[in-house]
């Protein structure tokens, strides 16, 4: 298979096999975890999740959280 045109799936299979043979299963998994680059646009998505609070809103939310924890 090496030296021939391979599909992306075939390349992935051969690569994972090579990693597993060289590093062992645990080393392979640790390598793959480090190599994962993620996806999406965190800045845009976080603005959607968090909004755009001002400093006073953040302060008020922290104080409310502290008061809630103290009351439990």
C-alpha atoms as a PDB file:
ATOM      1  CA  UNK A   1       0.000   0.000   0.000  1.00  0.00           C
ATOM      2  CA  UNK A   2       2.917   2.361   0.688  1.00  0.00           C
ATOM      3  CA  UNK A   3       4.041   4.105  -2.497  1.00  0.00           C
ATOM      4  CA  UNK A   4       0.594   3.809  -4.031  1.00  0.00           C
ATOM      5  CA  UNK A   5      -2.066   6.480  -4.066  1.00  0.00           C
ATOM      6  CA  UNK A   6      -4.032   6.005  -0.846  1.00  0.00           C
ATOM      7  CA  UNK A   7      -7.303   7.432   0.351  1.00  0.00           C
ATOM      8  CA  UNK A   8      -7.332   9.579   3.481  1.00  0.00           C
ATOM      9  CA  UNK A   9      -8.878   6.682   5.406  1.00  0.00           C
ATOM     10  CA  UNK A  10      -6.104   4.342   4.280  1.00  0.00           C
ATOM     11  CA  UNK A  11      -3.451   6.883   5.285  1.00  0.00           C
ATOM     12  CA  UNK A  12      -5.070   7.234   8.701  1.00  0.00           C
ATOM     13  CA  UNK A  13      -5.158   3.445   9.207  1.00  0.00           C
ATOM     14  CA  UNK A  14      -1.517   2.976   8.186  1.00  0.00           C
ATOM     15  CA  UNK A  15      -0.459   5.939  10.345  1.00  0.00           C
ATOM     16  CA  UNK A  16      -2.300   4.717  13.437  1.00  0.00           C
ATOM     17  CA  UNK A  17      -0.827   1.247  12.939  1.00  0.00           C
ATOM     18  CA  UNK A  18       2.697   2.718  12.691  1.00  0.00           C
ATOM     19  CA  UNK A  19       2.160   4.794  15.821  1.00  0.00           C
ATOM     20  CA  UNK A  20       0.803   1.807  17.709  1.00  0.00           C
ATOM     21  CA  UNK A  21       3.776  -0.357  16.712  1.00  0.00           C
ATOM     22  CA  UNK A  22       6.327   2.346  17.563  1.00  0.00           C
ATOM     23  CA  UNK A  23       4.794   3.792  20.731  1.00  0.00           C
ATOM     24  CA  UNK A  24       2.491   1.064  21.997  1.00  0.00           C
ATOM     25  CA  UNK A  25      -1.231   1.632  22.519  1.00  0.00           C
ATOM     26  CA  UNK A  26      -0.896   4.094  25.410  1.00  0.00           C
ATOM     27  CA  UNK A  27       1.826   6.123  23.692  1.00  0.00           C
ATOM     28  CA  UNK A  28      -0.230   6.192  20.500  1.00  0.00           C
ATOM     29  CA  UNK A  29      -3.247   7.586  22.338  1.00  0.00           C
ATOM     30  CA  UNK A  30      -1.143  10.190  24.149  1.00  0.00           C
ATOM     31  CA  UNK A  31       0.378  11.283  20.838  1.00  0.00           C
ATOM     32  CA  UNK A  32      -3.015  11.565  19.176  1.00  0.00           C
ATOM     33  CA  UNK A  33      -4.323  13.655  22.082  1.00  0.00           C
ATOM     34  CA  UNK A  34      -1.416  16.090  21.659  1.00  0.00           C
ATOM     35  CA  UNK A  35      -1.774  16.239  17.891  1.00  0.00           C
ATOM     36  CA  UNK A  36      -5.516  17.065  17.922  1.00  0.00           C
ATOM     37  CA  UNK A  37      -5.874  20.638  16.697  1.00  0.00           C
ATOM     38  CA  UNK A  38      -9.566  21.089  17.369  1.00  0.00           C
ATOM     39  CA  UNK A  39     -12.009  22.878  15.130  1.00  0.00           C
ATOM     40  CA  UNK A  40     -14.318  25.859  15.043  1.00  0.00           C
ATOM     41  CA  UNK A  41     -13.746  29.466  16.016  1.00  0.00           C
ATOM     42  CA  UNK A  42     -13.578  29.665  19.808  1.00  0.00           C
ATOM     43  CA  UNK A  43     -13.792  33.481  19.855  1.00  0.00           C
ATOM     44  CA  UNK A  44     -17.041  33.633  17.890  1.00  0.00           C
ATOM     45  CA  UNK A  45     -18.556  30.670  19.726  1.00  0.00           C
ATOM     46  CA  UNK A  46     -17.613  31.967  23.179  1.00  0.00           C
ATOM     47  CA  UNK A  47     -19.237  35.315  22.418  1.00  0.00           C
ATOM     48  CA  UNK A  48     -22.406  33.418  21.535  1.00  0.00           C
ATOM     49  CA  UNK A  49     -22.263  31.404  24.798  1.00  0.00           C
ATOM     50  CA  UNK A  50     -21.085  34.143  27.144  1.00  0.00           C
ATOM     51  CA  UNK A  51     -22.374  37.299  25.509  1.00  0.00           C
ATOM     52  CA  UNK A  52     -20.338  40.435  26.060  1.00  0.00           C
ATOM     53  CA  UNK A  53     -20.727  41.245  29.772  1.00  0.00           C
ATOM     54  CA  UNK A  54     -19.230  44.421  31.166  1.00  0.00           C
ATOM     55  CA  UNK A  55     -17.106  44.496  34.326  1.00  0.00           C
ATOM     56  CA  UNK A  56     -20.043  45.338  36.616  1.00  0.00           C
ATOM     57  CA  UNK A  57     -22.072  42.388  35.292  1.00  0.00           C
ATOM     58  CA  UNK A  58     -19.144  40.050  35.951  1.00  0.00           C
ATOM     59  CA  UNK A  59     -18.648  41.456  39.452  1.00  0.00           C
ATOM     60  CA  UNK A  60     -22.355  41.076  40.251  1.00  0.00           C
ATOM     61  CA  UNK A  61     -22.372  37.486  38.974  1.00  0.00           C
ATOM     62  CA  UNK A  62     -19.348  36.589  41.124  1.00  0.00           C
ATOM     63  CA  UNK A  63     -20.896  38.162  44.226  1.00  0.00           C
ATOM     64  CA  UNK A  64     -24.207  36.357  43.616  1.00  0.00           C
ATOM     65  CA  UNK A  65     -22.353  33.052  43.230  1.00  0.00           C
ATOM     66  CA  UNK A  66     -20.425  33.633  46.476  1.00  0.00           C
ATOM     67  CA  UNK A  67     -23.614  34.476  48.348  1.00  0.00           C
ATOM     68  CA  UNK A  68     -25.339  31.398  46.967  1.00  0.00           C
ATOM     69  CA  UNK A  69     -22.446  29.164  48.087  1.00  0.00           C
ATOM     70  CA  UNK A  70     -22.454  30.698  51.579  1.00  0.00           C
ATOM     71  CA  UNK A  71     -26.174  30.052  51.986  1.00  0.00           C
ATOM     72  CA  UNK A  72     -25.805  26.325  51.305  1.00  0.00           C
END
